[in-house]
Amino acid sequence: MIRTIEAIVDERGRVRLLEDVTLPEARRALVTILEDAPTPSVSETALLSEPALAKDWSRPEEDEAWSHLEPER
């Protein structure tokens, strides 16, 4: 079974896992070195901005501005 486990690699190359791992026997592992800080994905950014945008989008002026795109009832 393949698992991904977050770890820190220090400047001397020592790897410290950020969670405990128990295996039935020794296993091979690959280490990928990432940038210093993770960059939020577009979906995270959209989710975080949704409350602020909802205030602006939930105004009568917005409904009127976009009403021409709604199907006729």
N, C-alpha and C. Protein backbone atom coordinates (compact mmCIF):
# COMPACT_ATOMS: atom_id res chain seq x y z
N MET A 1 0.84 -1.18 0.00
CA MET A 1 0.00 0.00 0.00
C MET A 1 0.89 1.25 0.00
N ILE A 2 0.56 2.20 -0.86
CA ILE A 2 1.32 3.45 -0.93
C ILE A 2 0.64 4.48 -0.03
N ARG A 3 1.43 5.14 0.81
CA ARG A 3 0.93 6.19 1.69
C ARG A 3 1.78 7.43 1.53
N THR A 4 1.17 8.58 1.70
CA THR A 4 1.91 9.84 1.71
C THR A 4 1.88 10.37 3.13
N ILE A 5 3.05 10.70 3.64
CA ILE A 5 3.17 11.18 5.02
C ILE A 5 3.99 12.47 4.99
N GLU A 6 3.47 13.51 5.61
CA GLU A 6 4.19 14.78 5.64
C GLU A 6 5.40 14.67 6.56
N ALA A 7 6.48 15.31 6.14
CA ALA A 7 7.72 15.26 6.91
C ALA A 7 8.48 16.58 6.73
N ILE A 8 9.46 16.77 7.58
CA ILE A 8 10.36 17.92 7.49
C ILE A 8 11.76 17.37 7.23
N VAL A 9 12.45 17.96 6.26
CA VAL A 9 13.85 17.60 6.00
C VAL A 9 14.68 18.80 6.44
N ASP A 10 15.57 18.58 7.41
CA ASP A 10 16.36 19.71 7.90
C ASP A 10 17.55 19.98 6.97
N GLU A 11 18.31 21.02 7.29
CA GLU A 11 19.40 21.45 6.43
C GLU A 11 20.52 20.41 6.33
N ARG A 12 20.55 19.45 7.24
CA ARG A 12 21.56 18.38 7.18
C ARG A 12 21.01 17.13 6.50
N GLY A 13 19.77 17.21 6.00
CA GLY A 13 19.20 16.08 5.27
C GLY A 13 18.47 15.07 6.13
N ARG A 14 18.32 15.35 7.41
CA ARG A 14 17.60 14.43 8.29
C ARG A 14 16.10 14.59 8.06
N VAL A 15 15.41 13.47 7.97
CA VAL A 15 13.97 13.46 7.72
C VAL A 15 13.25 13.18 9.03
N ARG A 16 12.28 14.05 9.37
CA ARG A 16 11.46 13.86 10.57
C ARG A 16 10.01 13.77 10.14
N LEU A 17 9.40 12.61 10.35
CA LEU A 17 7.99 12.42 10.00
C LEU A 17 7.12 13.20 10.97
N LEU A 18 6.03 13.77 10.47
CA LEU A 18 5.13 14.57 11.31
C LEU A 18 4.01 13.74 11.92
N GLU A 19 4.04 12.44 11.70
CA GLU A 19 3.09 11.54 12.36
C GLU A 19 3.78 10.20 12.57
N ASP A 20 3.28 9.44 13.52
CA ASP A 20 3.84 8.12 13.78
C ASP A 20 3.47 7.16 12.65
N VAL A 21 4.41 6.29 12.31
CA VAL A 21 4.18 5.29 11.26
C VAL A 21 4.58 3.93 11.81
N THR A 22 3.68 2.98 11.69
CA THR A 22 3.96 1.61 12.10
C THR A 22 3.83 0.72 10.87
N LEU A 23 4.90 -0.04 10.58
CA LEU A 23 4.91 -0.92 9.42
C LEU A 23 5.24 -2.34 9.86
N PRO A 24 4.76 -3.33 9.13
CA PRO A 24 5.06 -4.71 9.51
C PRO A 24 6.53 -5.08 9.30
N GLU A 25 7.20 -4.36 8.40
CA GLU A 25 8.63 -4.58 8.13
C GLU A 25 9.18 -3.34 7.43
N ALA A 26 10.48 -3.28 7.23
CA ALA A 26 11.10 -2.12 6.57
C ALA A 26 10.56 -1.97 5.16
N ARG A 27 10.40 -0.74 4.72
CA ARG A 27 9.88 -0.43 3.38
C ARG A 27 10.77 0.62 2.72
N ARG A 28 10.75 0.62 1.40
CA ARG A 28 11.41 1.69 0.64
C ARG A 28 10.55 2.93 0.76
N ALA A 29 11.17 4.10 0.55
CA ALA A 29 10.42 5.36 0.58
C ALA A 29 11.06 6.33 -0.41
N LEU A 30 10.25 7.23 -0.92
CA LEU A 30 10.73 8.31 -1.77
C LEU A 30 10.50 9.61 -1.02
N VAL A 31 11.44 10.54 -1.13
CA VAL A 31 11.30 11.83 -0.47
C VAL A 31 11.25 12.90 -1.56
N THR A 32 10.21 13.73 -1.53
CA THR A 32 10.07 14.85 -2.46
C THR A 32 10.25 16.14 -1.68
N ILE A 33 11.19 16.97 -2.09
CA ILE A 33 11.44 18.23 -1.40
C ILE A 33 10.52 19.30 -2.01
N LEU A 34 9.71 19.94 -1.18
CA LEU A 34 8.74 20.95 -1.61
C LEU A 34 9.25 22.35 -1.32
N GLU A 35 8.55 23.35 -1.83
CA GLU A 35 8.86 24.74 -1.51
C GLU A 35 8.66 24.97 -0.02
N ASP A 36 9.16 26.09 0.50
CA ASP A 36 9.07 26.39 1.93
C ASP A 36 7.65 26.33 2.46
N ALA A 37 6.75 27.07 1.83
CA ALA A 37 5.37 27.12 2.32
C ALA A 37 4.43 26.66 1.20
N PRO A 38 3.43 25.88 1.55
CA PRO A 38 2.49 25.46 0.51
C PRO A 38 1.70 26.66 0.00
N THR A 39 1.45 26.69 -1.30
CA THR A 39 0.63 27.75 -1.87
C THR A 39 -0.79 27.24 -1.98
N PRO A 40 -1.76 28.04 -1.56
CA PRO A 40 -3.14 27.56 -1.62
C PRO A 40 -3.57 27.33 -3.05
N SER A 41 -4.35 26.29 -3.25
CA SER A 41 -4.86 26.03 -4.59
C SER A 41 -6.00 27.00 -4.89
N VAL A 42 -6.39 27.06 -6.14
CA VAL A 42 -7.46 27.96 -6.55
C VAL A 42 -8.73 27.66 -5.77
N SER A 43 -9.03 26.39 -5.56
CA SER A 43 -10.26 26.05 -4.85
C SER A 43 -10.23 26.55 -3.41
N GLU A 44 -9.07 26.49 -2.75
CA GLU A 44 -8.97 27.02 -1.38
C GLU A 44 -9.20 28.52 -1.37
N THR A 45 -8.61 29.21 -2.33
CA THR A 45 -8.77 30.65 -2.42
C THR A 45 -10.23 31.01 -2.66
N ALA A 46 -10.88 30.29 -3.54
CA ALA A 46 -12.29 30.55 -3.82
C ALA A 46 -13.14 30.32 -2.58
N LEU A 47 -12.87 29.24 -1.87
CA LEU A 47 -13.64 28.96 -0.66
C LEU A 47 -13.44 30.03 0.40
N LEU A 48 -12.22 30.51 0.55
CA LEU A 48 -11.95 31.52 1.56
C LEU A 48 -12.55 32.88 1.20
N SER A 49 -12.68 33.18 -0.09
CA SER A 49 -13.22 34.48 -0.50
C SER A 49 -14.74 34.46 -0.64
N GLU A 50 -15.35 33.28 -0.61
CA GLU A 50 -16.80 33.19 -0.83
C GLU A 50 -17.63 34.05 0.12
N PRO A 51 -17.39 34.07 1.43
CA PRO A 51 -18.21 34.91 2.31
C PRO A 51 -18.14 36.39 1.96
N ALA A 52 -16.95 36.88 1.62
CA ALA A 52 -16.81 38.29 1.27
C ALA A 52 -17.54 38.60 -0.03
N LEU A 53 -17.42 37.71 -1.01
CA LEU A 53 -18.09 37.92 -2.28
C LEU A 53 -19.60 37.78 -2.15
N ALA A 54 -20.05 36.90 -1.27
CA ALA A 54 -21.49 36.69 -1.09
C ALA A 54 -22.18 37.98 -0.65
N LYS A 55 -21.50 38.76 0.19
CA LYS A 55 -22.08 40.04 0.62
C LYS A 55 -22.34 40.93 -0.59
N ASP A 56 -21.37 41.00 -1.49
CA ASP A 56 -21.51 41.86 -2.67
C ASP A 56 -22.51 41.29 -3.66
N TRP A 57 -22.50 39.99 -3.85
CA TRP A 57 -23.37 39.36 -4.85
C TRP A 57 -24.82 39.29 -4.41
N SER A 58 -25.07 39.36 -3.12
CA SER A 58 -26.44 39.20 -2.60
C SER A 58 -27.15 40.54 -2.45
N ARG A 59 -26.89 41.46 -3.34
CA ARG A 59 -27.55 42.76 -3.30
C ARG A 59 -28.55 42.87 -4.44
N PRO A 60 -29.63 43.61 -4.24
CA PRO A 60 -30.62 43.79 -5.31
C PRO A 60 -30.01 44.36 -6.59
N GLU A 61 -29.02 45.23 -6.45
CA GLU A 61 -28.38 45.82 -7.64
C GLU A 61 -27.72 44.75 -8.50
N GLU A 62 -27.12 43.76 -7.85
CA GLU A 62 -26.49 42.67 -8.59
C GLU A 62 -27.55 41.83 -9.31
N ASP A 63 -28.65 41.54 -8.62
CA ASP A 63 -29.73 40.77 -9.25
C ASP A 63 -30.22 41.48 -10.50
N GLU A 64 -30.40 42.78 -10.39
CA GLU A 64 -30.88 43.55 -11.54
C GLU A 64 -29.86 43.56 -12.67
N ALA A 65 -28.59 43.72 -12.34
CA ALA A 65 -27.54 43.79 -13.35
C ALA A 65 -27.43 42.50 -14.17
N TRP A 66 -27.73 41.36 -13.55
CA TRP A 66 -27.59 40.07 -14.22
C TRP A 66 -28.92 39.48 -14.67
N SER A 67 -30.00 40.18 -14.44
CA SER A 67 -31.33 39.63 -14.74
C SER A 67 -31.51 39.32 -16.23
N HIS A 68 -30.82 40.04 -17.12
CA HIS A 68 -30.97 39.78 -18.55
C HIS A 68 -30.45 38.40 -18.96
N LEU A 69 -29.67 37.75 -18.11
CA LEU A 69 -29.15 36.42 -18.41
C LEU A 69 -30.05 35.29 -17.92
N GLU A 70 -31.04 35.62 -17.12
CA GLU A 70 -31.95 34.60 -16.60
C GLU A 70 -33.00 34.25 -17.65
N PRO A 71 -33.38 32.97 -17.71
CA PRO A 71 -34.42 32.58 -18.67
C PRO A 71 -35.76 33.21 -18.26
N GLU A 72 -36.56 33.51 -19.27
CA GLU A 72 -37.87 34.09 -18.97
C GLU A 72 -38.76 33.03 -18.35
N ARG A 73 -39.63 33.49 -17.44
CA ARG A 73 -40.51 32.54 -16.74
C ARG A 73 -41.89 32.57 -17.30
